[in-house]
Amino acid sequence: MKQLLFLVGDYVEDYEVMVPFQALAMVGYDCVAVCPGKKVGDTVATAIHDFDGAQTYSEKRGHNFAINGDFDAVNVADFAGLVIPGGRAPEYLRLDERVLAIVREFAAAGKPIAGVCHAAQLLATAGVISGKRMQAYPACKPDVIAAGGVWDEPSAGLDSACVDGVLVTGPAWPAHPAWLREFVRTLGGELRP
């Protein structure tokens, strides 16, 4: 089974959805992006978060990202793993009970879950990180700790990854090479050094 589910919403971080979606497709995975309230052919707006010297990231409007799956028809049994990109989308997607149920089903089935940046907000609300070591954007550290997660301090360049069983996390889009490599390994794929 090589199908991966992406949970996205408006103002998902541009690089954190586009790059993993394309990279995982390139290595042979069938990537399916779904969003509550959207159908195949609809798009979500993305935001570009940049690290340009302010005390936090800045935000700019990104590309439109096409939805290619039906949220209402998601069957976790059809997927090998779950990808949750960051940005602002996880903040409000965590209010959707069906989204939370999907995340919990992946966790209960022991299927690989990859989360980057603010995906920690959704994982924390779903209650699937208690006792798990993970990384996220540093502003999400209180969410991780409050949900019983174990904070793994990201590298200064936010280019690190953390693996705890089948949970693969990274702090932001600079971590793509690290967390994508670890996620593919967790899915049972092989990558050349």
N, C-alpha and C. Protein backbone atom coordinates (compact mmCIF):
# COMPACT_ATOMS: atom_id res chain seq x y z
N MET A 1 0.86 -1.17 0.00
CA MET A 1 0.00 0.00 0.00
C MET A 1 0.90 1.23 0.00
N LYS A 2 0.73 2.08 -1.01
CA LYS A 2 1.61 3.24 -1.14
C LYS A 2 0.82 4.54 -1.17
N GLN A 3 -0.37 4.56 -0.62
CA GLN A 3 -1.19 5.75 -0.63
C GLN A 3 -1.01 6.51 0.69
N LEU A 4 -0.79 7.83 0.59
CA LEU A 4 -0.60 8.67 1.76
C LEU A 4 -1.69 9.73 1.81
N LEU A 5 -2.21 9.99 3.00
CA LEU A 5 -3.23 11.01 3.18
C LEU A 5 -2.60 12.29 3.71
N PHE A 6 -2.93 13.42 3.09
CA PHE A 6 -2.53 14.74 3.54
C PHE A 6 -3.77 15.45 4.07
N LEU A 7 -3.73 15.93 5.32
CA LEU A 7 -4.82 16.72 5.88
C LEU A 7 -4.45 18.19 5.74
N VAL A 8 -5.21 18.93 4.94
CA VAL A 8 -4.87 20.32 4.66
C VAL A 8 -6.09 21.22 4.86
N GLY A 9 -5.84 22.51 4.88
CA GLY A 9 -6.90 23.51 4.99
C GLY A 9 -6.36 24.84 4.51
N ASP A 10 -7.23 25.81 4.40
CA ASP A 10 -6.78 27.13 3.96
C ASP A 10 -5.67 27.66 4.87
N TYR A 11 -4.71 28.25 4.23
CA TYR A 11 -3.52 28.82 4.86
C TYR A 11 -2.61 27.78 5.50
N VAL A 12 -2.64 26.57 4.91
CA VAL A 12 -1.59 25.60 5.17
C VAL A 12 -0.30 26.26 4.68
N GLU A 13 0.83 25.94 5.30
CA GLU A 13 2.09 26.55 4.87
C GLU A 13 2.47 26.00 3.49
N ASP A 14 2.74 26.90 2.56
CA ASP A 14 3.00 26.57 1.16
C ASP A 14 4.08 25.49 0.99
N TYR A 15 5.28 25.75 1.50
CA TYR A 15 6.38 24.79 1.34
C TYR A 15 6.08 23.48 2.06
N GLU A 16 5.34 23.56 3.17
CA GLU A 16 5.12 22.37 3.98
C GLU A 16 4.05 21.44 3.41
N VAL A 17 3.34 21.91 2.40
CA VAL A 17 2.42 21.03 1.69
C VAL A 17 2.94 20.72 0.29
N MET A 18 3.39 21.72 -0.43
CA MET A 18 3.83 21.52 -1.82
C MET A 18 5.04 20.59 -1.92
N VAL A 19 6.08 20.91 -1.16
CA VAL A 19 7.32 20.14 -1.27
C VAL A 19 7.12 18.67 -0.85
N PRO A 20 6.54 18.39 0.33
CA PRO A 20 6.35 16.97 0.68
C PRO A 20 5.42 16.23 -0.30
N PHE A 21 4.36 16.90 -0.74
CA PHE A 21 3.42 16.27 -1.67
C PHE A 21 4.16 15.84 -2.94
N GLN A 22 4.96 16.74 -3.49
CA GLN A 22 5.69 16.44 -4.72
C GLN A 22 6.83 15.46 -4.49
N ALA A 23 7.57 15.63 -3.39
CA ALA A 23 8.70 14.74 -3.11
C ALA A 23 8.24 13.30 -2.86
N LEU A 24 7.17 13.15 -2.09
CA LEU A 24 6.68 11.80 -1.82
C LEU A 24 6.07 11.16 -3.07
N ALA A 25 5.45 11.96 -3.92
CA ALA A 25 4.96 11.44 -5.20
C ALA A 25 6.14 11.00 -6.07
N MET A 26 7.22 11.77 -6.03
CA MET A 26 8.40 11.45 -6.84
C MET A 26 9.00 10.10 -6.47
N VAL A 27 8.95 9.73 -5.19
CA VAL A 27 9.53 8.45 -4.79
C VAL A 27 8.50 7.31 -4.81
N GLY A 28 7.32 7.56 -5.39
CA GLY A 28 6.40 6.47 -5.67
C GLY A 28 5.13 6.40 -4.84
N TYR A 29 4.88 7.37 -3.98
CA TYR A 29 3.66 7.35 -3.18
C TYR A 29 2.53 8.07 -3.91
N ASP A 30 1.34 7.54 -3.76
CA ASP A 30 0.12 8.18 -4.28
C ASP A 30 -0.39 9.10 -3.18
N CYS A 31 -0.19 10.39 -3.35
CA CYS A 31 -0.53 11.37 -2.33
C CYS A 31 -1.95 11.90 -2.56
N VAL A 32 -2.76 11.84 -1.51
CA VAL A 32 -4.15 12.27 -1.59
C VAL A 32 -4.36 13.38 -0.56
N ALA A 33 -4.71 14.57 -1.05
CA ALA A 33 -4.93 15.72 -0.17
C ALA A 33 -6.43 15.94 0.00
N VAL A 34 -6.85 16.04 1.27
CA VAL A 34 -8.26 16.27 1.57
C VAL A 34 -8.40 17.44 2.53
N CYS A 35 -9.61 18.03 2.50
CA CYS A 35 -9.91 19.18 3.36
C CYS A 35 -11.39 19.16 3.69
N PRO A 36 -11.74 19.33 4.96
CA PRO A 36 -13.16 19.40 5.31
C PRO A 36 -13.85 20.52 4.52
N GLY A 37 -15.02 20.20 3.98
CA GLY A 37 -15.79 21.20 3.26
C GLY A 37 -15.35 21.47 1.84
N LYS A 38 -14.33 20.75 1.37
CA LYS A 38 -13.84 20.93 0.00
C LYS A 38 -13.90 19.60 -0.73
N LYS A 39 -14.06 19.68 -2.03
CA LYS A 39 -14.16 18.49 -2.88
C LYS A 39 -12.99 18.45 -3.87
N VAL A 40 -12.87 17.34 -4.56
CA VAL A 40 -11.84 17.18 -5.59
C VAL A 40 -11.96 18.33 -6.59
N GLY A 41 -10.83 18.95 -6.87
CA GLY A 41 -10.79 20.07 -7.81
C GLY A 41 -10.84 21.43 -7.15
N ASP A 42 -11.33 21.48 -5.89
CA ASP A 42 -11.27 22.73 -5.14
C ASP A 42 -9.82 23.00 -4.75
N THR A 43 -9.55 24.20 -4.28
CA THR A 43 -8.20 24.53 -3.82
C THR A 43 -8.26 25.10 -2.41
N VAL A 44 -7.11 25.06 -1.75
CA VAL A 44 -6.93 25.78 -0.50
C VAL A 44 -5.87 26.85 -0.76
N ALA A 45 -6.03 27.98 -0.09
CA ALA A 45 -5.02 29.02 -0.14
C ALA A 45 -3.85 28.60 0.74
N THR A 46 -2.65 28.93 0.35
CA THR A 46 -1.49 28.64 1.19
C THR A 46 -0.86 29.94 1.66
N ALA A 47 -0.03 29.83 2.67
CA ALA A 47 0.73 30.96 3.19
C ALA A 47 2.20 30.58 3.22
N ILE A 48 3.05 31.54 2.93
CA ILE A 48 4.49 31.32 3.00
C ILE A 48 4.98 31.95 4.29
N HIS A 49 5.53 31.12 5.15
CA HIS A 49 6.11 31.60 6.41
C HIS A 49 7.62 31.70 6.22
N ASP A 50 8.15 32.87 6.50
CA ASP A 50 9.58 33.10 6.28
C ASP A 50 10.24 33.57 7.57
N PHE A 51 11.49 33.27 7.68
CA PHE A 51 12.29 33.65 8.84
C PHE A 51 13.19 34.80 8.40
N ASP A 52 12.70 36.02 8.61
CA ASP A 52 13.40 37.18 8.04
C ASP A 52 13.87 38.18 9.10
N GLY A 53 14.16 37.68 10.30
CA GLY A 53 14.78 38.51 11.31
C GLY A 53 13.84 39.05 12.38
N ALA A 54 12.53 38.87 12.23
CA ALA A 54 11.59 39.31 13.26
C ALA A 54 11.59 38.30 14.41
N GLN A 55 10.87 38.60 15.46
CA GLN A 55 10.83 37.70 16.61
C GLN A 55 10.06 36.42 16.31
N THR A 56 9.28 36.41 15.26
CA THR A 56 8.59 35.21 14.79
C THR A 56 8.61 35.24 13.26
N TYR A 57 8.07 34.24 12.65
CA TYR A 57 8.05 34.20 11.19
C TYR A 57 7.08 35.25 10.64
N SER A 58 7.33 35.65 9.40
CA SER A 58 6.39 36.53 8.71
C SER A 58 5.52 35.67 7.80
N GLU A 59 4.40 36.23 7.37
CA GLU A 59 3.48 35.46 6.53
C GLU A 59 3.14 36.25 5.27
N LYS A 60 3.21 35.53 4.15
CA LYS A 60 2.86 36.09 2.85
C LYS A 60 1.92 35.12 2.15
N ARG A 61 1.09 35.59 1.28
CA ARG A 61 0.17 34.71 0.53
C ARG A 61 0.98 33.83 -0.41
N GLY A 62 0.63 32.55 -0.44
CA GLY A 62 1.31 31.60 -1.30
C GLY A 62 0.46 31.21 -2.49
N HIS A 63 0.71 30.02 -3.00
CA HIS A 63 -0.01 29.48 -4.15
C HIS A 63 -1.35 28.89 -3.72
N ASN A 64 -2.15 28.54 -4.69
CA ASN A 64 -3.33 27.71 -4.42
C ASN A 64 -2.89 26.26 -4.54
N PHE A 65 -3.39 25.41 -3.66
CA PHE A 65 -3.04 23.99 -3.67
C PHE A 65 -4.31 23.20 -3.93
N ALA A 66 -4.26 22.31 -4.92
CA ALA A 66 -5.44 21.57 -5.36
C ALA A 66 -5.75 20.37 -4.45
N ILE A 67 -7.01 20.23 -4.13
CA ILE A 67 -7.51 19.08 -3.39
C ILE A 67 -7.77 17.97 -4.41
N ASN A 68 -7.24 16.78 -4.14
CA ASN A 68 -7.43 15.67 -5.09
C ASN A 68 -8.12 14.46 -4.46
N GLY A 69 -8.68 14.65 -3.26
CA GLY A 69 -9.39 13.57 -2.59
C GLY A 69 -10.64 14.08 -1.91
N ASP A 70 -11.52 13.15 -1.58
CA ASP A 70 -12.80 13.48 -0.96
C ASP A 70 -12.72 13.25 0.55
N PHE A 71 -12.74 14.31 1.32
CA PHE A 71 -12.64 14.22 2.78
C PHE A 71 -13.72 13.30 3.35
N ASP A 72 -14.94 13.42 2.84
CA ASP A 72 -16.05 12.64 3.38
C ASP A 72 -15.90 11.14 3.12
N ALA A 73 -15.05 10.78 2.16
CA ALA A 73 -14.89 9.37 1.81
C ALA A 73 -13.61 8.75 2.38
N VAL A 74 -12.87 9.48 3.23
CA VAL A 74 -11.61 8.96 3.76
C VAL A 74 -11.86 7.69 4.57
N ASN A 75 -11.11 6.64 4.21
CA ASN A 75 -11.10 5.39 4.93
C ASN A 75 -9.64 5.13 5.31
N VAL A 76 -9.30 5.24 6.57
CA VAL A 76 -7.93 5.12 7.03
C VAL A 76 -7.29 3.82 6.56
N ALA A 77 -8.06 2.76 6.44
CA ALA A 77 -7.53 1.47 6.00
C ALA A 77 -6.91 1.53 4.60
N ASP A 78 -7.29 2.53 3.80
CA ASP A 78 -6.76 2.67 2.44
C ASP A 78 -5.39 3.31 2.38
N PHE A 79 -4.87 3.80 3.49
CA PHE A 79 -3.65 4.60 3.49
C PHE A 79 -2.55 3.96 4.31
N ALA A 80 -1.31 4.13 3.82
CA ALA A 80 -0.13 3.63 4.53
C ALA A 80 0.33 4.61 5.60
N GLY A 81 0.03 5.90 5.43
CA GLY A 81 0.49 6.89 6.38
C GLY A 81 -0.25 8.20 6.23
N LEU A 82 0.00 9.08 7.20
CA LEU A 82 -0.65 10.38 7.27
C LEU A 82 0.40 11.48 7.32
N VAL A 83 0.14 12.56 6.57
CA VAL A 83 1.01 13.74 6.60
C VAL A 83 0.16 14.94 7.02
N ILE A 84 0.66 15.67 8.02
CA ILE A 84 -0.01 16.88 8.48
C ILE A 84 0.96 18.04 8.33
N PRO A 85 0.77 18.86 7.29
CA PRO A 85 1.62 20.04 7.13
C PRO A 85 1.24 21.11 8.16
N GLY A 86 2.12 22.08 8.33
CA GLY A 86 1.89 23.16 9.28
C GLY A 86 1.19 24.36 8.66
N GLY A 87 1.52 25.51 9.17
CA GLY A 87 0.83 26.73 8.78
C GLY A 87 -0.30 27.01 9.74
N ARG A 88 -1.27 27.80 9.29
CA ARG A 88 -2.39 28.12 10.17
C ARG A 88 -3.50 27.07 10.12
N ALA A 89 -3.49 26.22 9.13
CA ALA A 89 -4.57 25.24 8.98
C ALA A 89 -4.73 24.33 10.21
N PRO A 90 -3.67 23.76 10.79
CA PRO A 90 -3.88 22.87 11.94
C PRO A 90 -4.60 23.54 13.11
N GLU A 91 -4.43 24.85 13.25
CA GLU A 91 -5.05 25.57 14.35
C GLU A 91 -6.57 25.44 14.34
N TYR A 92 -7.17 25.52 13.14
CA TYR A 92 -8.64 25.41 13.08
C TYR A 92 -9.10 24.02 12.66
N LEU A 93 -8.26 23.26 11.96
CA LEU A 93 -8.66 21.89 11.62
C LEU A 93 -8.87 21.06 12.88
N ARG A 94 -8.16 21.40 13.96
CA ARG A 94 -8.30 20.64 15.22
C ARG A 94 -9.67 20.83 15.86
N LEU A 95 -10.47 21.74 15.33
CA LEU A 95 -11.83 21.94 15.83
C LEU A 95 -12.84 21.01 15.15
N ASP A 96 -12.40 20.30 14.11
CA ASP A 96 -13.27 19.41 13.34
C ASP A 96 -13.18 18.00 13.91
N GLU A 97 -14.29 17.48 14.42
CA GLU A 97 -14.28 16.16 15.07
C GLU A 97 -13.88 15.03 14.12
N ARG A 98 -14.27 15.13 12.86
CA ARG A 98 -13.89 14.08 11.90
C ARG A 98 -12.39 14.10 11.64
N VAL A 99 -11.78 15.29 11.57
CA VAL A 99 -10.32 15.39 11.42
C VAL A 99 -9.64 14.70 12.60
N LEU A 100 -10.10 15.02 13.80
CA LEU A 100 -9.51 14.40 15.00
C LEU A 100 -9.68 12.88 14.98
N ALA A 101 -10.83 12.42 14.55
CA ALA A 101 -11.08 10.97 14.47
C ALA A 101 -10.12 10.30 13.49
N ILE A 102 -9.87 10.95 12.36
CA ILE A 102 -8.94 10.39 11.36
C ILE A 102 -7.54 10.27 11.96
N VAL A 103 -7.08 11.32 12.62
CA VAL A 103 -5.74 11.29 13.24
C VAL A 103 -5.69 10.17 14.28
N ARG A 104 -6.71 10.07 15.09
CA ARG A 104 -6.74 9.01 16.13
C ARG A 104 -6.76 7.62 15.51
N GLU A 105 -7.46 7.46 14.40
CA GLU A 105 -7.51 6.15 13.73
C GLU A 105 -6.13 5.75 13.21
N PHE A 106 -5.40 6.70 12.63
CA PHE A 106 -4.03 6.40 12.17
C PHE A 106 -3.17 5.98 13.35
N ALA A 107 -3.25 6.73 14.44
CA ALA A 107 -2.44 6.41 15.62
C ALA A 107 -2.82 5.05 16.20
N ALA A 108 -4.11 4.77 16.31
CA ALA A 108 -4.56 3.50 16.88
C ALA A 108 -4.14 2.31 16.02
N ALA A 109 -4.07 2.53 14.71
CA ALA A 109 -3.66 1.46 13.79
C ALA A 109 -2.14 1.30 13.72
N GLY A 110 -1.40 2.18 14.39
CA GLY A 110 0.06 2.10 14.36
C GLY A 110 0.65 2.48 13.01
N LYS A 111 -0.07 3.29 12.26
CA LYS A 111 0.42 3.71 10.94
C LYS A 111 1.28 4.95 11.09
N PRO A 112 2.32 5.08 10.24
CA PRO A 112 3.19 6.25 10.32
C PRO A 112 2.43 7.57 10.15
N ILE A 113 2.80 8.52 11.01
CA ILE A 113 2.24 9.87 10.97
C ILE A 113 3.41 10.84 10.91
N ALA A 114 3.38 11.74 9.94
CA ALA A 114 4.40 12.79 9.83
C ALA A 114 3.73 14.13 10.07
N GLY A 115 4.35 14.93 10.92
CA GLY A 115 3.84 16.27 11.18
C GLY A 115 4.99 17.25 11.18
N VAL A 116 4.75 18.41 10.61
CA VAL A 116 5.79 19.44 10.58
C VAL A 116 5.20 20.74 11.11
N CYS A 117 6.02 21.47 11.84
CA CYS A 117 5.70 22.81 12.30
C CYS A 117 4.46 22.82 13.20
N HIS A 118 3.42 23.55 12.82
CA HIS A 118 2.22 23.69 13.63
C HIS A 118 1.29 22.47 13.58
N ALA A 119 1.69 21.41 12.89
CA ALA A 119 0.94 20.16 12.94
C ALA A 119 0.81 19.68 14.38
N ALA A 120 1.76 20.10 15.22
CA ALA A 120 1.73 19.71 16.64
C ALA A 120 0.42 20.12 17.30
N GLN A 121 -0.18 21.23 16.86
CA GLN A 121 -1.45 21.67 17.46
C GLN A 121 -2.55 20.64 17.22
N LEU A 122 -2.59 20.09 16.04
CA LEU A 122 -3.59 19.09 15.69
C LEU A 122 -3.30 17.77 16.39
N LEU A 123 -2.04 17.36 16.40
CA LEU A 123 -1.66 16.11 17.07
C LEU A 123 -1.95 16.18 18.57
N ALA A 124 -1.67 17.34 19.17
CA ALA A 124 -1.92 17.51 20.60
C ALA A 124 -3.41 17.43 20.90
N THR A 125 -4.23 18.11 20.11
CA THR A 125 -5.67 18.10 20.34
C THR A 125 -6.26 16.71 20.12
N ALA A 126 -5.70 15.96 19.18
CA ALA A 126 -6.18 14.61 18.92
C ALA A 126 -5.81 13.65 20.05
N GLY A 127 -4.88 14.07 20.91
CA GLY A 127 -4.51 13.23 22.05
C GLY A 127 -3.63 12.05 21.69
N VAL A 128 -2.79 12.20 20.65
CA VAL A 128 -1.99 11.06 20.20
C VAL A 128 -0.49 11.21 20.48
N ILE A 129 -0.10 12.23 21.27
CA ILE A 129 1.33 12.44 21.49
C ILE A 129 1.77 12.22 22.94
N SER A 130 0.89 11.82 23.80
CA SER A 130 1.27 11.61 25.20
C SER A 130 2.42 10.59 25.28
N GLY A 131 3.50 11.00 25.94
CA GLY A 131 4.66 10.13 26.09
C GLY A 131 5.54 10.04 24.86
N LYS A 132 5.16 10.72 23.79
CA LYS A 132 5.93 10.66 22.53
C LYS A 132 6.90 11.84 22.45
N ARG A 133 8.10 11.54 22.00
CA ARG A 133 9.09 12.58 21.73
C ARG A 133 8.77 13.19 20.37
N MET A 134 8.83 14.53 20.30
CA MET A 134 8.54 15.16 19.01
C MET A 134 9.12 16.56 18.93
N GLN A 135 9.21 17.04 17.70
CA GLN A 135 9.62 18.41 17.41
C GLN A 135 8.47 19.13 16.73
N ALA A 136 8.51 20.44 16.81
CA ALA A 136 7.53 21.30 16.16
C ALA A 136 8.13 22.69 16.12
N TYR A 137 7.39 23.62 15.54
CA TYR A 137 7.85 24.99 15.60
C TYR A 137 7.92 25.37 17.08
N PRO A 138 8.99 26.05 17.52
CA PRO A 138 9.17 26.32 18.94
C PRO A 138 7.96 26.94 19.65
N ALA A 139 7.15 27.74 18.96
CA ALA A 139 5.97 28.34 19.59
C ALA A 139 4.92 27.29 19.96
N CYS A 140 5.06 26.07 19.44
CA CYS A 140 4.12 24.99 19.76
C CYS A 140 4.58 24.15 20.95
N LYS A 141 5.73 24.46 21.51
CA LYS A 141 6.25 23.69 22.65
C LYS A 141 5.23 23.59 23.79
N PRO A 142 4.54 24.69 24.16
CA PRO A 142 3.55 24.55 25.24
C PRO A 142 2.41 23.58 24.90
N ASP A 143 2.00 23.54 23.63
CA ASP A 143 0.94 22.60 23.22
C ASP A 143 1.41 21.16 23.39
N VAL A 144 2.65 20.90 22.96
CA VAL A 144 3.22 19.55 23.05
C VAL A 144 3.29 19.11 24.51
N ILE A 145 3.82 19.96 25.36
CA ILE A 145 3.98 19.61 26.78
C ILE A 145 2.62 19.45 27.47
N ALA A 146 1.69 20.36 27.18
CA ALA A 146 0.35 20.28 27.80
C ALA A 146 -0.37 18.99 27.41
N ALA A 147 -0.06 18.45 26.22
CA ALA A 147 -0.71 17.22 25.76
C ALA A 147 0.06 15.98 26.20
N GLY A 148 1.10 16.17 27.04
CA GLY A 148 1.85 15.03 27.55
C GLY A 148 2.97 14.57 26.65
N GLY A 149 3.25 15.32 25.58
CA GLY A 149 4.35 14.99 24.69
C GLY A 149 5.68 15.34 25.33
N VAL A 150 6.74 14.77 24.80
CA VAL A 150 8.10 15.03 25.27
C VAL A 150 8.78 15.91 24.23
N TRP A 151 9.11 17.13 24.62
CA TRP A 151 9.69 18.10 23.69
C TRP A 151 11.11 17.70 23.34
N ASP A 152 11.40 17.57 22.05
CA ASP A 152 12.74 17.31 21.53
C ASP A 152 13.19 18.62 20.88
N GLU A 153 14.15 19.28 21.47
CA GLU A 153 14.57 20.61 21.02
C GLU A 153 15.09 20.55 19.57
N PRO A 154 14.48 21.33 18.68
CA PRO A 154 14.95 21.36 17.29
C PRO A 154 16.33 22.00 17.18
N SER A 155 17.00 21.75 16.08
CA SER A 155 18.28 22.40 15.81
C SER A 155 18.07 23.90 15.65
N ALA A 156 19.13 24.66 15.82
CA ALA A 156 19.05 26.12 15.70
C ALA A 156 18.55 26.55 14.32
N GLY A 157 18.87 25.78 13.30
CA GLY A 157 18.45 26.11 11.94
C GLY A 157 17.08 25.55 11.57
N LEU A 158 16.40 24.93 12.53
CA LEU A 158 15.08 24.31 12.32
C LEU A 158 15.12 23.29 11.18
N ASP A 159 16.26 22.59 11.05
CA ASP A 159 16.42 21.63 9.96
C ASP A 159 16.58 20.20 10.46
N SER A 160 16.11 19.93 11.65
CA SER A 160 16.25 18.61 12.25
C SER A 160 14.94 17.83 12.15
N ALA A 161 14.99 16.59 12.58
CA ALA A 161 13.79 15.74 12.61
C ALA A 161 13.85 14.88 13.87
N CYS A 162 12.70 14.40 14.28
CA CYS A 162 12.60 13.53 15.44
C CYS A 162 11.73 12.34 15.06
N VAL A 163 12.18 11.15 15.44
CA VAL A 163 11.41 9.93 15.19
C VAL A 163 11.16 9.25 16.53
N ASP A 164 9.90 8.96 16.80
CA ASP A 164 9.52 8.18 17.99
C ASP A 164 8.54 7.12 17.51
N GLY A 165 9.04 5.93 17.29
CA GLY A 165 8.20 4.87 16.73
C GLY A 165 7.77 5.25 15.33
N VAL A 166 6.46 5.36 15.12
CA VAL A 166 5.95 5.71 13.79
C VAL A 166 5.59 7.19 13.67
N LEU A 167 5.93 7.98 14.69
CA LEU A 167 5.69 9.42 14.65
C LEU A 167 6.97 10.11 14.20
N VAL A 168 6.88 10.83 13.08
CA VAL A 168 8.02 11.55 12.52
C VAL A 168 7.66 13.03 12.48
N THR A 169 8.47 13.86 13.14
CA THR A 169 8.16 15.29 13.20
C THR A 169 9.37 16.14 12.88
N GLY A 170 9.08 17.36 12.45
CA GLY A 170 10.11 18.34 12.17
C GLY A 170 9.59 19.72 12.55
N PRO A 171 10.50 20.68 12.80
CA PRO A 171 10.09 21.98 13.31
C PRO A 171 9.57 22.97 12.27
N ALA A 172 9.95 22.85 11.02
CA ALA A 172 9.53 23.81 10.00
C ALA A 172 10.06 23.33 8.65
N TRP A 173 9.73 24.08 7.59
CA TRP A 173 10.12 23.62 6.26
C TRP A 173 11.62 23.47 6.03
N PRO A 174 12.52 24.15 6.75
CA PRO A 174 13.94 23.83 6.55
C PRO A 174 14.29 22.38 6.89
N ALA A 175 13.41 21.70 7.61
CA ALA A 175 13.66 20.31 8.00
C ALA A 175 13.22 19.29 6.96
N HIS A 176 12.72 19.72 5.82
CA HIS A 176 12.21 18.77 4.83
C HIS A 176 13.17 17.62 4.52
N PRO A 177 14.45 17.88 4.20
CA PRO A 177 15.31 16.73 3.89
C PRO A 177 15.36 15.72 5.04
N ALA A 178 15.40 16.20 6.26
CA ALA A 178 15.51 15.29 7.41
C ALA A 178 14.22 14.53 7.68
N TRP A 179 13.08 15.23 7.80
CA TRP A 179 11.87 14.51 8.18
C TRP A 179 11.30 13.70 7.04
N LEU A 180 11.45 14.16 5.80
CA LEU A 180 10.97 13.35 4.67
C LEU A 180 11.77 12.06 4.56
N ARG A 181 13.09 12.14 4.73
CA ARG A 181 13.92 10.93 4.70
C ARG A 181 13.48 9.95 5.78
N GLU A 182 13.27 10.46 7.01
CA GLU A 182 12.87 9.60 8.11
C GLU A 182 11.46 9.04 7.92
N PHE A 183 10.57 9.83 7.35
CA PHE A 183 9.20 9.36 7.11
C PHE A 183 9.21 8.23 6.08
N VAL A 184 9.96 8.39 5.00
CA VAL A 184 10.04 7.33 3.99
C VAL A 184 10.61 6.06 4.62
N ARG A 185 11.62 6.18 5.45
CA ARG A 185 12.18 5.01 6.14
C ARG A 185 11.13 4.37 7.06
N THR A 186 10.36 5.20 7.76
CA THR A 186 9.34 4.68 8.66
C THR A 186 8.24 3.96 7.89
N LEU A 187 7.99 4.41 6.67
CA LEU A 187 7.01 3.76 5.80
C LEU A 187 7.55 2.46 5.20
N GLY A 188 8.84 2.19 5.42
CA GLY A 188 9.45 0.97 4.89
C GLY A 188 10.14 1.17 3.56
N GLY A 189 10.24 2.40 3.12
CA GLY A 189 10.93 2.70 1.86
C GLY A 189 12.42 2.74 2.05
N GLU A 190 13.12 2.61 0.94
CA GLU A 190 14.57 2.68 0.97
C GLU A 190 15.05 3.89 0.22
N LEU A 191 16.01 4.58 0.81
CA LEU A 191 16.62 5.73 0.16
C LEU A 191 18.12 5.49 0.09
N ARG A 192 18.71 5.91 -0.99
CA ARG A 192 20.15 5.80 -1.10
C ARG A 192 20.80 6.91 -0.31
N PRO A 193 21.97 6.63 0.28
CA PRO A 193 22.65 7.67 1.07
C PRO A 193 23.10 8.85 0.21
